[in-house]
Structures are given as C-alpha cells and as structure tokens.
Amino acid sequence: MGLFDDLSRFLETRLEEFLRNNPQLELQAIEEKLRDQEQEALNLMTDLHLREQKMQEEILALAQEVQRWHIRVDKAKAAGRFDLLEPAQEREAALLREGNQRWGQMEMVRERIKQTEELQRKIQIRRQEVQVKAAQAQAARASAKVEQQWQTTGWNQSNSYIHSAADPLEKQFRQWEMDEELDDLKRNLGR
C-alpha cells in the first residue's frame, strides 16, 4: 500500500502543480465542478418538490379521514352508541397525530427546499464569478499572444531586410560604399 499511496500523492502534487502553471485549466475545472454541483442542487430541489407534493396529498387524505371520523364520533354520541364512541375517538386522535407528524415532516422538506435554493443561487453566483475570471484570463492570454506575435513579427521583419537585396537602405549603403572605393582607387592611381 505504501507504494500506491506514494504514487497517488506524487500524481496529486504534479496535478496541482500543473494546474497552478495553467490557471485557465484550473478555472475550467472549477467551473465544471460548480456546474455539476449546481445540477445536483437542481436535481435535489426537483426531488424535494415532488416529496413535498406527495406529503401535501397524504396530509389532505388524512384530513379527509379525520373529518370522516369526526362525523362518526358526533354520530355515535348523538345515537348513544358508547361502544363505538371511544374507538372512534381513538381513531380520530391517531389520525390527528399522524397528520401532525406528516405536517412536521413536510415543514422540514420545505426548509430543505429553501436551503437548497439558497445553495443553488450561491453556486450559480460563484460559477458566474469563475466564468468572468476565466474570460479575463483568456483575454489576458490573447493580449499576451498578440503582443508576442507583434514582437516576433517585428523582429522577423527587421531580419528580412538584412538579407534582402531589394532593401532600399541596403542599396543606398552599397552604392555609397562602392563610390568611396572608386574614389579611393582613383586617388591611388593618380599618385
């Protein structure tokens, strides 16, 4: 296991170093991770909304059952059916407890929905910040590339004049140098 751990640490270190040396890739990785987290938050919200809707339906069904048993309790009281009254009251109370429990669970789901929505908004804002930084980094790289190309082009253009016979400045110097040599020859011959 030691060799595997060492190799794993080495690769992680190299990856971190590579990302530090290539910040645009690090920003892309962060943006991708944030996009995944945002999608997970959206999926969780969808799931929580479905659970909330299901709980609302269950609570509504329980409320209808409570209402039905409440009517039965009143009916048993009015008829003097005490043998049915107590079990009907117990059933109504049990349904009320279950309804209260479901209501509490639904409130917890609603709270989680609010938390997830807030988390999703924070992730979205962070992802937008990363996108801006990535765009700035890309613009800086493009500017640096244009600057490098300009310098390289300028350097290459000046080099092309040195070797070009069609360079007007080169022609002028050659003519002047040849005129000087001719003048020197004439002076040397005239002596």
C-alpha atoms as a PDB file:
ATOM      1  CA  MET A   1       0.000   0.000   0.000  1.00  0.00           C
ATOM      2  CA  GLY A   2       2.897   2.397   0.665  1.00  0.00           C
ATOM      3  CA  LEU A   3       3.968   2.454  -2.979  1.00  0.00           C
ATOM      4  CA  PHE A   4       0.407   3.099  -4.124  1.00  0.00           C
ATOM      5  CA  ASP A   5      -0.019   5.934  -1.586  1.00  0.00           C
ATOM      6  CA  ASP A   6       3.311   7.463  -2.636  1.00  0.00           C
ATOM      7  CA  LEU A   7       2.350   7.268  -6.290  1.00  0.00           C
ATOM      8  CA  SER A   8      -1.054   8.753  -5.554  1.00  0.00           C
ATOM      9  CA  ARG A   9       0.476  11.681  -3.601  1.00  0.00           C
ATOM     10  CA  PHE A  10       3.047  12.230  -6.359  1.00  0.00           C
ATOM     11  CA  LEU A  11       0.343  12.363  -9.028  1.00  0.00           C
ATOM     12  CA  GLU A  12      -1.811  14.708  -6.938  1.00  0.00           C
ATOM     13  CA  THR A  13       1.180  17.001  -6.399  1.00  0.00           C
ATOM     14  CA  ARG A  14       2.007  17.006 -10.100  1.00  0.00           C
ATOM     15  CA  LEU A  15      -1.624  17.711 -10.980  1.00  0.00           C
ATOM     16  CA  GLU A  16      -1.787  20.630  -8.514  1.00  0.00           C
ATOM     17  CA  GLU A  17       1.498  21.987  -9.901  1.00  0.00           C
ATOM     18  CA  PHE A  18       0.242  21.640 -13.468  1.00  0.00           C
ATOM     19  CA  LEU A  19      -2.994  23.457 -12.609  1.00  0.00           C
ATOM     20  CA  ARG A  20      -1.072  26.259 -10.868  1.00  0.00           C
ATOM     21  CA  ASN A  21       1.057  26.654 -14.005  1.00  0.00           C
ATOM     22  CA  ASN A  22      -2.053  26.618 -16.210  1.00  0.00           C
ATOM     23  CA  PRO A  23      -4.618  28.734 -14.356  1.00  0.00           C
ATOM     24  CA  GLN A  24      -7.073  28.666 -17.246  1.00  0.00           C
ATOM     25  CA  LEU A  25      -7.349  24.890 -16.872  1.00  0.00           C
ATOM     26  CA  GLU A  26      -7.829  25.252 -13.137  1.00  0.00           C
ATOM     27  CA  LEU A  27     -10.634  27.748 -13.757  1.00  0.00           C
ATOM     28  CA  GLN A  28     -12.221  25.364 -16.258  1.00  0.00           C
ATOM     29  CA  ALA A  29     -12.026  22.539 -13.715  1.00  0.00           C
ATOM     30  CA  ILE A  30     -13.582  24.733 -11.020  1.00  0.00           C
ATOM     31  CA  GLU A  31     -16.325  25.862 -13.387  1.00  0.00           C
ATOM     32  CA  GLU A  32     -17.074  22.258 -14.355  1.00  0.00           C
ATOM     33  CA  LYS A  33     -17.226  21.229 -10.700  1.00  0.00           C
ATOM     34  CA  LEU A  34     -19.560  24.150  -9.912  1.00  0.00           C
ATOM     35  CA  ARG A  35     -21.740  23.241 -12.896  1.00  0.00           C
ATOM     36  CA  ASP A  36     -22.001  19.678 -11.558  1.00  0.00           C
ATOM     37  CA  GLN A  37     -22.845  20.943  -8.061  1.00  0.00           C
ATOM     38  CA  GLU A  38     -25.482  23.280  -9.473  1.00  0.00           C
ATOM     39  CA  GLN A  39     -27.045  20.409 -11.408  1.00  0.00           C
ATOM     40  CA  GLU A  40     -27.034  18.249  -8.258  1.00  0.00           C
ATOM     41  CA  ALA A  41     -28.757  21.075  -6.351  1.00  0.00           C
ATOM     42  CA  LEU A  42     -31.381  21.398  -9.093  1.00  0.00           C
ATOM     43  CA  ASN A  43     -31.972  17.640  -9.068  1.00  0.00           C
ATOM     44  CA  LEU A  44     -32.306  17.691  -5.268  1.00  0.00           C
ATOM     45  CA  MET A  45     -34.793  20.586  -5.487  1.00  0.00           C
ATOM     46  CA  THR A  46     -36.880  18.675  -8.011  1.00  0.00           C
ATOM     47  CA  ASP A  47     -36.863  15.625  -5.740  1.00  0.00           C
ATOM     48  CA  LEU A  48     -37.761  17.718  -2.683  1.00  0.00           C
ATOM     49  CA  HIS A  49     -40.636  19.431  -4.529  1.00  0.00           C
ATOM     50  CA  LEU A  50     -42.001  16.026  -5.529  1.00  0.00           C
ATOM     51  CA  ARG A  51     -41.747  14.825  -1.904  1.00  0.00           C
ATOM     52  CA  GLU A  52     -43.484  17.993  -0.706  1.00  0.00           C
ATOM     53  CA  GLN A  53     -46.301  17.488  -3.201  1.00  0.00           C
ATOM     54  CA  LYS A  54     -46.705  13.843  -2.155  1.00  0.00           C
ATOM     55  CA  MET A  55     -46.790  14.837   1.520  1.00  0.00           C
ATOM     56  CA  GLN A  56     -49.424  17.503   0.817  1.00  0.00           C
ATOM     57  CA  GLU A  57     -51.578  14.865  -0.856  1.00  0.00           C
ATOM     58  CA  GLU A  58     -51.089  12.498   2.089  1.00  0.00           C
ATOM     59  CA  ILE A  59     -51.955  15.255   4.575  1.00  0.00           C
ATOM     60  CA  LEU A  60     -55.072  16.134   2.587  1.00  0.00           C
ATOM     61  CA  ALA A  61     -56.133  12.471   2.584  1.00  0.00           C
ATOM     62  CA  LEU A  62     -55.510  12.299   6.357  1.00  0.00           C
ATOM     63  CA  ALA A  63     -57.538  15.479   6.889  1.00  0.00           C
ATOM     64  CA  GLN A  64     -60.450  13.920   4.995  1.00  0.00           C
ATOM     65  CA  GLU A  65     -60.153  10.780   7.150  1.00  0.00           C
ATOM     66  CA  VAL A  66     -60.086  12.909  10.335  1.00  0.00           C
ATOM     67  CA  GLN A  67     -63.191  14.715   9.121  1.00  0.00           C
ATOM     68  CA  ARG A  68     -64.933  11.426   8.361  1.00  0.00           C
ATOM     69  CA  TRP A  69     -64.090  10.008  11.811  1.00  0.00           C
ATOM     70  CA  HIS A  70     -65.104  13.278  13.500  1.00  0.00           C
ATOM     71  CA  ILE A  71     -68.543  12.957  11.894  1.00  0.00           C
ATOM     72  CA  ARG A  72     -68.704   9.350  13.127  1.00  0.00           C
ATOM     73  CA  VAL A  73     -67.754  10.442  16.658  1.00  0.00           C
ATOM     74  CA  ASP A  74     -70.570  13.013  16.633  1.00  0.00           C
ATOM     75  CA  LYS A  75     -72.985  10.450  15.187  1.00  0.00           C
ATOM     76  CA  ALA A  76     -72.063   7.839  17.866  1.00  0.00           C
ATOM     77  CA  LYS A  77     -72.541  10.479  20.626  1.00  0.00           C
ATOM     78  CA  ALA A  78     -75.913  11.528  19.286  1.00  0.00           C
ATOM     79  CA  ALA A  79     -77.098   7.919  18.985  1.00  0.00           C
ATOM     80  CA  GLY A  80     -75.751   6.977  22.407  1.00  0.00           C
ATOM     81  CA  ARG A  81     -73.545   4.305  20.948  1.00  0.00           C
ATOM     82  CA  PHE A  82     -70.821   4.445  23.578  1.00  0.00           C
ATOM     83  CA  ASP A  83     -69.429   1.120  22.399  1.00  0.00           C
ATOM     84  CA  LEU A  84     -68.453   2.852  19.126  1.00  0.00           C
ATOM     85  CA  LEU A  85     -67.745   6.318  20.539  1.00  0.00           C
ATOM     86  CA  GLU A  86     -64.471   5.571  22.349  1.00  0.00           C
ATOM     87  CA  PRO A  87     -62.836   3.590  19.488  1.00  0.00           C
ATOM     88  CA  ALA A  88     -63.944   6.303  17.000  1.00  0.00           C
ATOM     89  CA  GLN A  89     -62.382   8.999  19.206  1.00  0.00           C
ATOM     90  CA  GLU A  90     -59.155   6.967  19.453  1.00  0.00           C
ATOM     91  CA  ARG A  91     -59.081   6.554  15.672  1.00  0.00           C
ATOM     92  CA  GLU A  92     -59.667  10.308  15.164  1.00  0.00           C
ATOM     93  CA  ALA A  93     -56.859  11.141  17.656  1.00  0.00           C
ATOM     94  CA  ALA A  94     -54.459   8.692  15.969  1.00  0.00           C
ATOM     95  CA  LEU A  95     -55.186  10.243  12.569  1.00  0.00           C
ATOM     96  CA  LEU A  96     -54.630  13.741  14.007  1.00  0.00           C
ATOM     97  CA  ARG A  97     -51.262  12.663  15.467  1.00  0.00           C
ATOM     98  CA  GLU A  98     -50.255  11.146  12.138  1.00  0.00           C
ATOM     99  CA  GLY A  99     -51.370  14.311  10.336  1.00  0.00           C
ATOM    100  CA  ASN A 100     -49.323  16.480  12.726  1.00  0.00           C
ATOM    101  CA  GLN A 101     -46.309  14.230  12.224  1.00  0.00           C
ATOM    102  CA  ARG A 102     -46.651  14.432   8.430  1.00  0.00           C
ATOM    103  CA  TRP A 103     -47.081  18.210   8.657  1.00  0.00           C
ATOM    104  CA  GLY A 104     -43.808  18.455  10.625  1.00  0.00           C
ATOM    105  CA  GLN A 105     -42.047  16.315   8.027  1.00  0.00           C
ATOM    106  CA  MET A 106     -43.425  18.491   5.242  1.00  0.00           C
ATOM    107  CA  GLU A 107     -42.163  21.626   7.018  1.00  0.00           C
ATOM    108  CA  MET A 108     -38.694  20.038   7.210  1.00  0.00           C
ATOM    109  CA  VAL A 109     -38.834  19.304   3.475  1.00  0.00           C
ATOM    110  CA  ARG A 110     -39.876  22.910   2.823  1.00  0.00           C
ATOM    111  CA  GLU A 111     -36.924  24.140   4.895  1.00  0.00           C
ATOM    112  CA  ARG A 112     -34.579  21.898   2.918  1.00  0.00           C
ATOM    113  CA  ILE A 113     -36.039  23.306  -0.306  1.00  0.00           C
ATOM    114  CA  LYS A 114     -35.262  26.845   0.878  1.00  0.00           C
ATOM    115  CA  GLN A 115     -31.714  25.828   1.875  1.00  0.00           C
ATOM    116  CA  THR A 116     -31.158  24.060  -1.447  1.00  0.00           C
ATOM    117  CA  GLU A 117     -32.469  27.050  -3.409  1.00  0.00           C
ATOM    118  CA  GLU A 118     -30.087  29.330  -1.494  1.00  0.00           C
ATOM    119  CA  LEU A 119     -27.199  26.923  -2.100  1.00  0.00           C
ATOM    120  CA  GLN A 120     -28.061  26.742  -5.805  1.00  0.00           C
ATOM    121  CA  ARG A 121     -28.083  30.554  -6.022  1.00  0.00           C
ATOM    122  CA  LYS A 122     -24.685  30.754  -4.282  1.00  0.00           C
ATOM    123  CA  ILE A 123     -23.244  28.113  -6.612  1.00  0.00           C
ATOM    124  CA  GLN A 124     -24.657  29.957  -9.626  1.00  0.00           C
ATOM    125  CA  ILE A 125     -23.113  33.258  -8.459  1.00  0.00           C
ATOM    126  CA  ARG A 126     -19.769  31.553  -7.818  1.00  0.00           C
ATOM    127  CA  ARG A 127     -19.868  29.895 -11.245  1.00  0.00           C
ATOM    128  CA  GLN A 128     -20.545  33.266 -12.871  1.00  0.00           C
ATOM    129  CA  GLU A 129     -17.577  34.753 -10.970  1.00  0.00           C
ATOM    130  CA  VAL A 130     -15.371  31.921 -12.225  1.00  0.00           C
ATOM    131  CA  GLN A 131     -16.645  32.469 -15.774  1.00  0.00           C
ATOM    132  CA  VAL A 132     -15.694  36.157 -15.522  1.00  0.00           C
ATOM    133  CA  LYS A 133     -12.235  35.247 -14.214  1.00  0.00           C
ATOM    134  CA  ALA A 134     -11.830  32.688 -16.995  1.00  0.00           C
ATOM    135  CA  ALA A 135     -12.853  35.277 -19.594  1.00  0.00           C
ATOM    136  CA  GLN A 136     -10.384  37.764 -18.099  1.00  0.00           C
ATOM    137  CA  ALA A 137      -7.629  35.148 -18.121  1.00  0.00           C
ATOM    138  CA  GLN A 138      -8.442  34.240 -21.712  1.00  0.00           C
ATOM    139  CA  ALA A 139      -8.389  37.919 -22.713  1.00  0.00           C
ATOM    140  CA  ALA A 140      -5.034  38.357 -20.947  1.00  0.00           C
ATOM    141  CA  ARG A 141      -3.637  35.294 -22.747  1.00  0.00           C
ATOM    142  CA  ALA A 142      -4.950  36.578 -26.088  1.00  0.00           C
ATOM    143  CA  SER A 143      -3.433  40.003 -25.417  1.00  0.00           C
ATOM    144  CA  ALA A 144      -0.102  38.444 -24.460  1.00  0.00           C
ATOM    145  CA  LYS A 145      -0.210  36.272 -27.586  1.00  0.00           C
ATOM    146  CA  VAL A 146      -0.911  39.294 -29.787  1.00  0.00           C
ATOM    147  CA  GLU A 147       1.949  41.172 -28.073  1.00  0.00           C
ATOM    148  CA  GLN A 148       4.273  38.212 -28.588  1.00  0.00           C
ATOM    149  CA  GLN A 149       3.238  37.900 -32.229  1.00  0.00           C
ATOM    150  CA  TRP A 150       3.786  41.627 -32.742  1.00  0.00           C
ATOM    151  CA  GLN A 151       7.251  41.425 -31.222  1.00  0.00           C
ATOM    152  CA  THR A 152       8.085  38.293 -33.181  1.00  0.00           C
ATOM    153  CA  THR A 153       6.713  39.762 -36.395  1.00  0.00           C
ATOM    154  CA  GLY A 154       8.645  42.991 -35.862  1.00  0.00           C
ATOM    155  CA  TRP A 155      11.827  41.046 -35.178  1.00  0.00           C
ATOM    156  CA  ASN A 156      11.305  38.811 -38.203  1.00  0.00           C
ATOM    157  CA  GLN A 157      10.541  41.754 -40.457  1.00  0.00           C
ATOM    158  CA  SER A 158      13.723  43.523 -39.449  1.00  0.00           C
ATOM    159  CA  ASN A 159      15.648  40.332 -40.127  1.00  0.00           C
ATOM    160  CA  SER A 160      14.159  40.046 -43.584  1.00  0.00           C
ATOM    161  CA  TYR A 161      15.584  43.464 -44.531  1.00  0.00           C
ATOM    162  CA  ILE A 162      19.097  42.389 -43.590  1.00  0.00           C
ATOM    163  CA  HIS A 163      19.121  39.581 -46.125  1.00  0.00           C
ATOM    164  CA  SER A 164      17.004  41.174 -48.810  1.00  0.00           C
ATOM    165  CA  ALA A 165      18.678  42.655 -51.876  1.00  0.00           C
ATOM    166  CA  ALA A 166      15.548  44.677 -52.530  1.00  0.00           C
ATOM    167  CA  ASP A 167      16.025  46.670 -49.323  1.00  0.00           C
ATOM    168  CA  PRO A 168      16.345  50.366 -50.359  1.00  0.00           C
ATOM    169  CA  LEU A 169      18.566  51.264 -47.411  1.00  0.00           C
ATOM    170  CA  GLU A 170      20.865  48.360 -48.247  1.00  0.00           C
ATOM    171  CA  LYS A 171      21.097  49.609 -51.854  1.00  0.00           C
ATOM    172  CA  GLN A 172      21.976  53.141 -50.737  1.00  0.00           C
ATOM    173  CA  PHE A 173      24.789  51.942 -48.467  1.00  0.00           C
ATOM    174  CA  ARG A 174      26.195  49.621 -51.117  1.00  0.00           C
ATOM    175  CA  GLN A 175      26.178  52.438 -53.663  1.00  0.00           C
ATOM    176  CA  TRP A 176      27.866  54.813 -51.226  1.00  0.00           C
ATOM    177  CA  GLU A 177      30.496  52.185 -50.259  1.00  0.00           C
ATOM    178  CA  MET A 178      31.200  51.459 -53.958  1.00  0.00           C
ATOM    179  CA  ASP A 179      31.524  55.188 -54.679  1.00  0.00           C
ATOM    180  CA  GLU A 180      34.010  55.514 -51.811  1.00  0.00           C
ATOM    181  CA  GLU A 181      36.052  52.574 -53.102  1.00  0.00           C
ATOM    182  CA  LEU A 182      36.088  54.098 -56.604  1.00  0.00           C
ATOM    183  CA  ASP A 183      37.228  57.410 -55.211  1.00  0.00           C
ATOM    184  CA  ASP A 184      39.977  55.635 -53.251  1.00  0.00           C
ATOM    185  CA  LEU A 185      41.096  53.766 -56.399  1.00  0.00           C
ATOM    186  CA  LYS A 186      41.183  56.992 -58.411  1.00  0.00           C
ATOM    187  CA  ARG A 187      43.292  58.704 -55.780  1.00  0.00           C
ATOM    188  CA  ASN A 188      45.680  55.754 -55.562  1.00  0.00           C
ATOM    189  CA  LEU A 189      46.012  55.585 -59.347  1.00  0.00           C
ATOM    190  CA  GLY A 190      46.542  59.310 -59.651  1.00  0.00           C
ATOM    191  CA  ARG A 191      49.618  59.288 -57.448  1.00  0.00           C
END
